[in-house]
Amino acid sequence: MIPKGSSTGFHNRYKKNMNVWAQQEKTHIYIVQKGDNLSNIAERFNVPLPALLIWNRISHRNHIHPGDRILVYPKKLNE
């Protein structure tokens, strides 16, 4: 069982750790292409989807469109 309210603390710690990690990485601006979605962009750049959402201050419910710019701190580019 997960204690009530612990998910908020986890999210805050995760966000802080991701921000520290992101500051140490090279920034990449990805231009959304037709057919892209947040999951395949995260996979392409080998980053966790939640990190992509946090870096761009968006929700998984947000729609992206061709031409949108997505901030990415890639670990390793998947070709």
PDB file of N, CA and C in Angstrom:
ATOM      1  N   MET A   1       0.841  -1.167   0.000  1.00  0.00           N
ATOM      2  CA  MET A   1       0.000   0.000   0.000  1.00  0.00           C
ATOM      3  C   MET A   1       0.896   1.245   0.000  1.00  0.00           C
ATOM      4  N   ILE A   2       0.499   2.224  -0.786  1.00  0.00           N
ATOM      5  CA  ILE A   2       1.235   3.485  -0.864  1.00  0.00           C
ATOM      6  C   ILE A   2       0.584   4.477   0.096  1.00  0.00           C
ATOM      7  N   PRO A   3       1.381   5.078   0.978  1.00  0.00           N
ATOM      8  CA  PRO A   3       0.813   6.035   1.932  1.00  0.00           C
ATOM      9  C   PRO A   3       0.163   7.224   1.223  1.00  0.00           C
ATOM     10  N   LYS A   4      -0.962   7.668   1.742  1.00  0.00           N
ATOM     11  CA  LYS A   4      -1.680   8.803   1.172  1.00  0.00           C
ATOM     12  C   LYS A   4      -0.780  10.039   1.158  1.00  0.00           C
ATOM     13  N   GLY A   5      -0.749  10.719   0.026  1.00  0.00           N
ATOM     14  CA  GLY A   5       0.042  11.937  -0.100  1.00  0.00           C
ATOM     15  C   GLY A   5       1.490  11.719  -0.478  1.00  0.00           C
ATOM     16  N   SER A   6       1.953  10.475  -0.507  1.00  0.00           N
ATOM     17  CA  SER A   6       3.367  10.239  -0.811  1.00  0.00           C
ATOM     18  C   SER A   6       3.685  10.477  -2.279  1.00  0.00           C
ATOM     19  N   SER A   7       2.691  10.385  -3.162  1.00  0.00           N
ATOM     20  CA  SER A   7       2.962  10.607  -4.582  1.00  0.00           C
ATOM     21  C   SER A   7       3.367  12.051  -4.844  1.00  0.00           C
ATOM     22  N   THR A   8       2.814  12.986  -4.096  1.00  0.00           N
ATOM     23  CA  THR A   8       3.185  14.391  -4.254  1.00  0.00           C
ATOM     24  C   THR A   8       4.648  14.597  -3.880  1.00  0.00           C
ATOM     25  N   GLY A   9       5.074  14.015  -2.777  1.00  0.00           N
ATOM     26  CA  GLY A   9       6.476  14.126  -2.372  1.00  0.00           C
ATOM     27  C   GLY A   9       7.400  13.497  -3.386  1.00  0.00           C
ATOM     28  N   PHE A  10       6.997  12.339  -3.918  1.00  0.00           N
ATOM     29  CA  PHE A  10       7.811  11.682  -4.938  1.00  0.00           C
ATOM     30  C   PHE A  10       7.932  12.565  -6.167  1.00  0.00           C
ATOM     31  N   HIS A  11       6.810  13.113  -6.626  1.00  0.00           N
ATOM     32  CA  HIS A  11       6.827  13.958  -7.820  1.00  0.00           C
ATOM     33  C   HIS A  11       7.743  15.167  -7.613  1.00  0.00           C
ATOM     34  N   ASN A  12       7.673  15.786  -6.454  1.00  0.00           N
ATOM     35  CA  ASN A  12       8.522  16.948  -6.179  1.00  0.00           C
ATOM     36  C   ASN A  12      10.003  16.573  -6.172  1.00  0.00           C
ATOM     37  N   ARG A  13      10.344  15.432  -5.547  1.00  0.00           N
ATOM     38  CA  ARG A  13      11.746  14.995  -5.531  1.00  0.00           C
ATOM     39  C   ARG A  13      12.211  14.630  -6.939  1.00  0.00           C
ATOM     40  N   TYR A  14      11.353  13.956  -7.694  1.00  0.00           N
ATOM     41  CA  TYR A  14      11.697  13.568  -9.070  1.00  0.00           C
ATOM     42  C   TYR A  14      11.935  14.811  -9.922  1.00  0.00           C
ATOM     43  N   LYS A  15      11.042  15.780  -9.810  1.00  0.00           N
ATOM     44  CA  LYS A  15      11.176  17.013 -10.586  1.00  0.00           C
ATOM     45  C   LYS A  15      12.487  17.724 -10.247  1.00  0.00           C
ATOM     46  N   LYS A  16      12.818  17.798  -8.955  1.00  0.00           N
ATOM     47  CA  LYS A  16      14.067  18.447  -8.532  1.00  0.00           C
ATOM     48  C   LYS A  16      15.272  17.701  -9.107  1.00  0.00           C
ATOM     49  N   ASN A  17      15.272  16.375  -8.996  1.00  0.00           N
ATOM     50  CA  ASN A  17      16.391  15.583  -9.522  1.00  0.00           C
ATOM     51  C   ASN A  17      16.510  15.705 -11.029  1.00  0.00           C
ATOM     52  N   MET A  18      15.389  15.720 -11.738  1.00  0.00           N
ATOM     53  CA  MET A  18      15.430  15.861 -13.194  1.00  0.00           C
ATOM     54  C   MET A  18      15.955  17.236 -13.587  1.00  0.00           C
ATOM     55  N   ASN A  19      15.591  18.268 -12.835  1.00  0.00           N
ATOM     56  CA  ASN A  19      16.091  19.607 -13.134  1.00  0.00           C
ATOM     57  C   ASN A  19      17.600  19.686 -12.938  1.00  0.00           C
ATOM     58  N   VAL A  20      18.117  19.069 -11.881  1.00  0.00           N
ATOM     59  CA  VAL A  20      19.569  19.040 -11.651  1.00  0.00           C
ATOM     60  C   VAL A  20      20.253  18.294 -12.784  1.00  0.00           C
ATOM     61  N   TRP A  21      19.718  17.132 -13.137  1.00  0.00           N
ATOM     62  CA  TRP A  21      20.299  16.332 -14.220  1.00  0.00           C
ATOM     63  C   TRP A  21      20.261  17.104 -15.535  1.00  0.00           C
ATOM     64  N   ALA A  22      19.136  17.764 -15.806  1.00  0.00           N
ATOM     65  CA  ALA A  22      18.966  18.475 -17.068  1.00  0.00           C
ATOM     66  C   ALA A  22      19.962  19.624 -17.204  1.00  0.00           C
ATOM     67  N   GLN A  23      20.280  20.280 -16.101  1.00  0.00           N
ATOM     68  CA  GLN A  23      21.220  21.392 -16.151  1.00  0.00           C
ATOM     69  C   GLN A  23      22.625  20.934 -16.520  1.00  0.00           C
ATOM     70  N   GLN A  24      22.915  19.667 -16.318  1.00  0.00           N
ATOM     71  CA  GLN A  24      24.240  19.138 -16.620  1.00  0.00           C
ATOM     72  C   GLN A  24      24.327  18.611 -18.049  1.00  0.00           C
ATOM     73  N   GLU A  25      23.232  18.565 -18.741  1.00  0.00           N
ATOM     74  CA  GLU A  25      23.175  17.987 -20.074  1.00  0.00           C
ATOM     75  C   GLU A  25      23.064  19.071 -21.137  1.00  0.00           C
ATOM     76  N   LYS A  26      23.417  18.712 -22.349  1.00  0.00           N
ATOM     77  CA  LYS A  26      23.296  19.613 -23.481  1.00  0.00           C
ATOM     78  C   LYS A  26      21.828  19.690 -23.914  1.00  0.00           C
ATOM     79  N   THR A  27      21.366  20.895 -24.151  1.00  0.00           N
ATOM     80  CA  THR A  27      19.988  21.113 -24.569  1.00  0.00           C
ATOM     81  C   THR A  27      19.832  20.875 -26.062  1.00  0.00           C
ATOM     82  N   HIS A  28      18.709  20.292 -26.435  1.00  0.00           N
ATOM     83  CA  HIS A  28      18.376  20.091 -27.837  1.00  0.00           C
ATOM     84  C   HIS A  28      16.943  20.561 -28.042  1.00  0.00           C
ATOM     85  N   ILE A  29      16.719  21.369 -29.059  1.00  0.00           N
ATOM     86  CA  ILE A  29      15.368  21.783 -29.413  1.00  0.00           C
ATOM     87  C   ILE A  29      14.933  20.921 -30.589  1.00  0.00           C
ATOM     88  N   TYR A  30      13.885  20.146 -30.375  1.00  0.00           N
ATOM     89  CA  TYR A  30      13.370  19.274 -31.427  1.00  0.00           C
ATOM     90  C   TYR A  30      12.133  19.922 -32.037  1.00  0.00           C
ATOM     91  N   ILE A  31      12.092  19.982 -33.363  1.00  0.00           N
ATOM     92  CA  ILE A  31      10.932  20.505 -34.073  1.00  0.00           C
ATOM     93  C   ILE A  31      10.005  19.331 -34.383  1.00  0.00           C
ATOM     94  N   VAL A  32       8.790  19.398 -33.882  1.00  0.00           N
ATOM     95  CA  VAL A  32       7.822  18.318 -34.067  1.00  0.00           C
ATOM     96  C   VAL A  32       7.503  18.148 -35.551  1.00  0.00           C
ATOM     97  N   GLN A  33       7.517  16.891 -35.984  1.00  0.00           N
ATOM     98  CA  GLN A  33       7.215  16.530 -37.367  1.00  0.00           C
ATOM     99  C   GLN A  33       5.840  15.865 -37.432  1.00  0.00           C
ATOM    100  N   LYS A  34       5.259  15.821 -38.614  1.00  0.00           N
ATOM    101  CA  LYS A  34       3.975  15.148 -38.812  1.00  0.00           C
ATOM    102  C   LYS A  34       4.099  13.690 -38.366  1.00  0.00           C
ATOM    103  N   GLY A  35       3.156  13.220 -37.580  1.00  0.00           N
ATOM    104  CA  GLY A  35       3.159  11.844 -37.094  1.00  0.00           C
ATOM    105  C   GLY A  35       3.842  11.658 -35.751  1.00  0.00           C
ATOM    106  N   ASP A  36       4.525  12.692 -35.252  1.00  0.00           N
ATOM    107  CA  ASP A  36       5.191  12.597 -33.950  1.00  0.00           C
ATOM    108  C   ASP A  36       4.172  12.619 -32.818  1.00  0.00           C
ATOM    109  N   ASN A  37       4.545  11.988 -31.722  1.00  0.00           N
ATOM    110  CA  ASN A  37       3.814  12.143 -30.468  1.00  0.00           C
ATOM    111  C   ASN A  37       4.856  12.188 -29.361  1.00  0.00           C
ATOM    112  N   LEU A  38       4.433  12.554 -28.170  1.00  0.00           N
ATOM    113  CA  LEU A  38       5.391  12.726 -27.075  1.00  0.00           C
ATOM    114  C   LEU A  38       6.124  11.436 -26.740  1.00  0.00           C
ATOM    115  N   SER A  39       5.435  10.316 -26.824  1.00  0.00           N
ATOM    116  CA  SER A  39       6.073   9.032 -26.510  1.00  0.00           C
ATOM    117  C   SER A  39       7.179   8.689 -27.492  1.00  0.00           C
ATOM    118  N   ASN A  40       6.928   8.882 -28.795  1.00  0.00           N
ATOM    119  CA  ASN A  40       7.987   8.512 -29.740  1.00  0.00           C
ATOM    120  C   ASN A  40       9.132   9.516 -29.734  1.00  0.00           C
ATOM    121  N   ILE A  41       8.866  10.751 -29.368  1.00  0.00           N
ATOM    122  CA  ILE A  41       9.959  11.723 -29.223  1.00  0.00           C
ATOM    123  C   ILE A  41      10.833  11.325 -28.033  1.00  0.00           C
ATOM    124  N   ALA A  42      10.211  10.961 -26.918  1.00  0.00           N
ATOM    125  CA  ALA A  42      10.965  10.518 -25.737  1.00  0.00           C
ATOM    126  C   ALA A  42      11.803   9.291 -26.078  1.00  0.00           C
ATOM    127  N   GLU A  43      11.224   8.356 -26.802  1.00  0.00           N
ATOM    128  CA  GLU A  43      11.953   7.144 -27.191  1.00  0.00           C
ATOM    129  C   GLU A  43      13.118   7.476 -28.122  1.00  0.00           C
ATOM    130  N   ARG A  44      12.887   8.360 -29.081  1.00  0.00           N
ATOM    131  CA  ARG A  44      13.929   8.738 -30.036  1.00  0.00           C
ATOM    132  C   ARG A  44      15.156   9.313 -29.328  1.00  0.00           C
ATOM    133  N   PHE A  45      14.919  10.103 -28.277  1.00  0.00           N
ATOM    134  CA  PHE A  45      16.021  10.744 -27.566  1.00  0.00           C
ATOM    135  C   PHE A  45      16.450   9.977 -26.316  1.00  0.00           C
ATOM    136  N   ASN A  46      15.849   8.801 -26.107  1.00  0.00           N
ATOM    137  CA  ASN A  46      16.218   7.932 -24.993  1.00  0.00           C
ATOM    138  C   ASN A  46      16.074   8.643 -23.647  1.00  0.00           C
ATOM    139  N   VAL A  47      14.936   9.318 -23.489  1.00  0.00           N
ATOM    140  CA  VAL A  47      14.640  10.006 -22.231  1.00  0.00           C
ATOM    141  C   VAL A  47      13.284   9.525 -21.719  1.00  0.00           C
ATOM    142  N   PRO A  48      13.067   9.569 -20.411  1.00  0.00           N
ATOM    143  CA  PRO A  48      11.764   9.173 -19.870  1.00  0.00           C
ATOM    144  C   PRO A  48      10.672  10.170 -20.286  1.00  0.00           C
ATOM    145  N   LEU A  49       9.510   9.661 -20.627  1.00  0.00           N
ATOM    146  CA  LEU A  49       8.394  10.531 -20.994  1.00  0.00           C
ATOM    147  C   LEU A  49       8.070  11.545 -19.896  1.00  0.00           C
ATOM    148  N   PRO A  50       8.044  11.144 -18.607  1.00  0.00           N
ATOM    149  CA  PRO A  50       7.765  12.151 -17.566  1.00  0.00           C
ATOM    150  C   PRO A  50       8.782  13.299 -17.567  1.00  0.00           C
ATOM    151  N   ALA A  51      10.037  13.001 -17.890  1.00  0.00           N
ATOM    152  CA  ALA A  51      11.048  14.061 -17.947  1.00  0.00           C
ATOM    153  C   ALA A  51      10.726  15.033 -19.077  1.00  0.00           C
ATOM    154  N   LEU A  52      10.342  14.502 -20.228  1.00  0.00           N
ATOM    155  CA  LEU A  52       9.984  15.343 -21.372  1.00  0.00           C
ATOM    156  C   LEU A  52       8.816  16.263 -21.007  1.00  0.00           C
ATOM    157  N   LEU A  53       7.860  15.734 -20.287  1.00  0.00           N
ATOM    158  CA  LEU A  53       6.705  16.529 -19.859  1.00  0.00           C
ATOM    159  C   LEU A  53       7.126  17.636 -18.894  1.00  0.00           C
ATOM    160  N   ILE A  54       7.997  17.309 -17.942  1.00  0.00           N
ATOM    161  CA  ILE A  54       8.461  18.295 -16.961  1.00  0.00           C
ATOM    162  C   ILE A  54       9.285  19.386 -17.635  1.00  0.00           C
ATOM    163  N   TRP A  55      10.231  18.987 -18.488  1.00  0.00           N
ATOM    164  CA  TRP A  55      11.090  19.977 -19.146  1.00  0.00           C
ATOM    165  C   TRP A  55      10.286  20.989 -19.950  1.00  0.00           C
ATOM    166  N   ASN A  56       9.175  20.539 -20.514  1.00  0.00           N
ATOM    167  CA  ASN A  56       8.374  21.394 -21.382  1.00  0.00           C
ATOM    168  C   ASN A  56       7.127  21.943 -20.698  1.00  0.00           C
ATOM    169  N   ARG A  57       6.990  21.631 -19.405  1.00  0.00           N
ATOM    170  CA  ARG A  57       5.856  22.118 -18.611  1.00  0.00           C
ATOM    171  C   ARG A  57       4.528  21.824 -19.305  1.00  0.00           C
ATOM    172  N   ILE A  58       4.401  20.571 -19.730  1.00  0.00           N
ATOM    173  CA  ILE A  58       3.176  20.145 -20.395  1.00  0.00           C
ATOM    174  C   ILE A  58       2.641  18.882 -19.732  1.00  0.00           C
ATOM    175  N   SER A  59       1.416  18.564 -20.046  1.00  0.00           N
ATOM    176  CA  SER A  59       0.756  17.367 -19.544  1.00  0.00           C
ATOM    177  C   SER A  59       0.702  16.334 -20.660  1.00  0.00           C
ATOM    178  N   HIS A  60       0.549  15.071 -20.294  1.00  0.00           N
ATOM    179  CA  HIS A  60       0.417  14.034 -21.315  1.00  0.00           C
ATOM    180  C   HIS A  60      -0.862  14.223 -22.123  1.00  0.00           C
ATOM    181  N   ARG A  61      -1.748  15.075 -21.650  1.00  0.00           N
ATOM    182  CA  ARG A  61      -2.997  15.361 -22.367  1.00  0.00           C
ATOM    183  C   ARG A  61      -2.827  16.442 -23.429  1.00  0.00           C
ATOM    184  N   ASN A  62      -1.708  17.187 -23.380  1.00  0.00           N
ATOM    185  CA  ASN A  62      -1.476  18.230 -24.370  1.00  0.00           C
ATOM    186  C   ASN A  62      -1.267  17.625 -25.749  1.00  0.00           C
ATOM    187  N   HIS A  63      -1.773  18.302 -26.747  1.00  0.00           N
ATOM    188  CA  HIS A  63      -1.549  17.882 -28.123  1.00  0.00           C
ATOM    189  C   HIS A  63      -0.356  18.656 -28.670  1.00  0.00           C
ATOM    190  N   ILE A  64       0.464  17.980 -29.454  1.00  0.00           N
ATOM    191  CA  ILE A  64       1.564  18.662 -30.126  1.00  0.00           C
ATOM    192  C   ILE A  64       1.257  18.671 -31.617  1.00  0.00           C
ATOM    193  N   HIS A  65       1.833  19.645 -32.302  1.00  0.00           N
ATOM    194  CA  HIS A  65       1.547  19.835 -33.715  1.00  0.00           C
ATOM    195  C   HIS A  65       2.853  20.026 -34.476  1.00  0.00           C
ATOM    196  N   PRO A  66       2.875  19.650 -35.757  1.00  0.00           N
ATOM    197  CA  PRO A  66       4.080  19.887 -36.558  1.00  0.00           C
ATOM    198  C   PRO A  66       4.501  21.355 -36.451  1.00  0.00           C
ATOM    199  N   GLY A  67       5.786  21.547 -36.234  1.00  0.00           N
ATOM    200  CA  GLY A  67       6.331  22.892 -36.077  1.00  0.00           C
ATOM    201  C   GLY A  67       6.532  23.302 -34.627  1.00  0.00           C
ATOM    202  N   ASP A  68       5.854  22.627 -33.693  1.00  0.00           N
ATOM    203  CA  ASP A  68       6.075  22.912 -32.270  1.00  0.00           C
ATOM    204  C   ASP A  68       7.521  22.601 -31.909  1.00  0.00           C
ATOM    205  N   ARG A  69       8.037  23.323 -30.939  1.00  0.00           N
ATOM    206  CA  ARG A  69       9.404  23.091 -30.466  1.00  0.00           C
ATOM    207  C   ARG A  69       9.343  22.397 -29.110  1.00  0.00           C
ATOM    208  N   ILE A  70      10.103  21.307 -28.991  1.00  0.00           N
ATOM    209  CA  ILE A  70      10.147  20.530 -27.760  1.00  0.00           C
ATOM    210  C   ILE A  70      11.571  20.576 -27.216  1.00  0.00           C
ATOM    211  N   LEU A  71      11.715  20.968 -25.958  1.00  0.00           N
ATOM    212  CA  LEU A  71      13.012  21.004 -25.287  1.00  0.00           C
ATOM    213  C   LEU A  71      13.373  19.593 -24.841  1.00  0.00           C
ATOM    214  N   VAL A  72      14.576  19.149 -25.206  1.00  0.00           N
ATOM    215  CA  VAL A  72      15.024  17.794 -24.873  1.00  0.00           C
ATOM    216  C   VAL A  72      16.457  17.865 -24.356  1.00  0.00           C
ATOM    217  N   TYR A  73      16.732  17.083 -23.324  1.00  0.00           N
ATOM    218  CA  TYR A  73      18.088  16.901 -22.822  1.00  0.00           C
ATOM    219  C   TYR A  73      18.447  15.446 -23.100  1.00  0.00           C
ATOM    220  N   PRO A  74      18.899  15.154 -24.316  1.00  0.00           N
ATOM    221  CA  PRO A  74      19.083  13.748 -24.709  1.00  0.00           C
ATOM    222  C   PRO A  74      20.216  13.065 -23.967  1.00  0.00           C
ATOM    223  N   LYS A  75      19.992  11.787 -23.655  1.00  0.00           N
ATOM    224  CA  LYS A  75      21.056  10.942 -23.118  1.00  0.00           C
ATOM    225  C   LYS A  75      21.900  10.452 -24.283  1.00  0.00           C
ATOM    226  N   LYS A  76      21.220   9.842 -25.248  1.00  0.00           N
ATOM    227  CA  LYS A  76      21.879   9.309 -26.434  1.00  0.00           C
ATOM    228  C   LYS A  76      20.824   9.245 -27.522  1.00  0.00           C
ATOM    229  N   LEU A  77      21.148   9.743 -28.688  1.00  0.00           N
ATOM    230  CA  LEU A  77      20.190   9.784 -29.776  1.00  0.00           C
ATOM    231  C   LEU A  77      19.993   8.403 -30.366  1.00  0.00           C
ATOM    232  N   ASN A  78      18.737   7.952 -30.424  1.00  0.00           N
ATOM    233  CA  ASN A  78      18.412   6.685 -31.087  1.00  0.00           C
ATOM    234  C   ASN A  78      18.173   6.972 -32.558  1.00  0.00           C
ATOM    235  N   GLU A  79      18.993   6.441 -33.413  1.00  0.00           N
ATOM    236  CA  GLU A  79      18.844   6.668 -34.859  1.00  0.00           C
ATOM    237  C   GLU A  79      17.913   5.654 -35.458  1.00  0.00           C
TER     238      GLU A  79
END
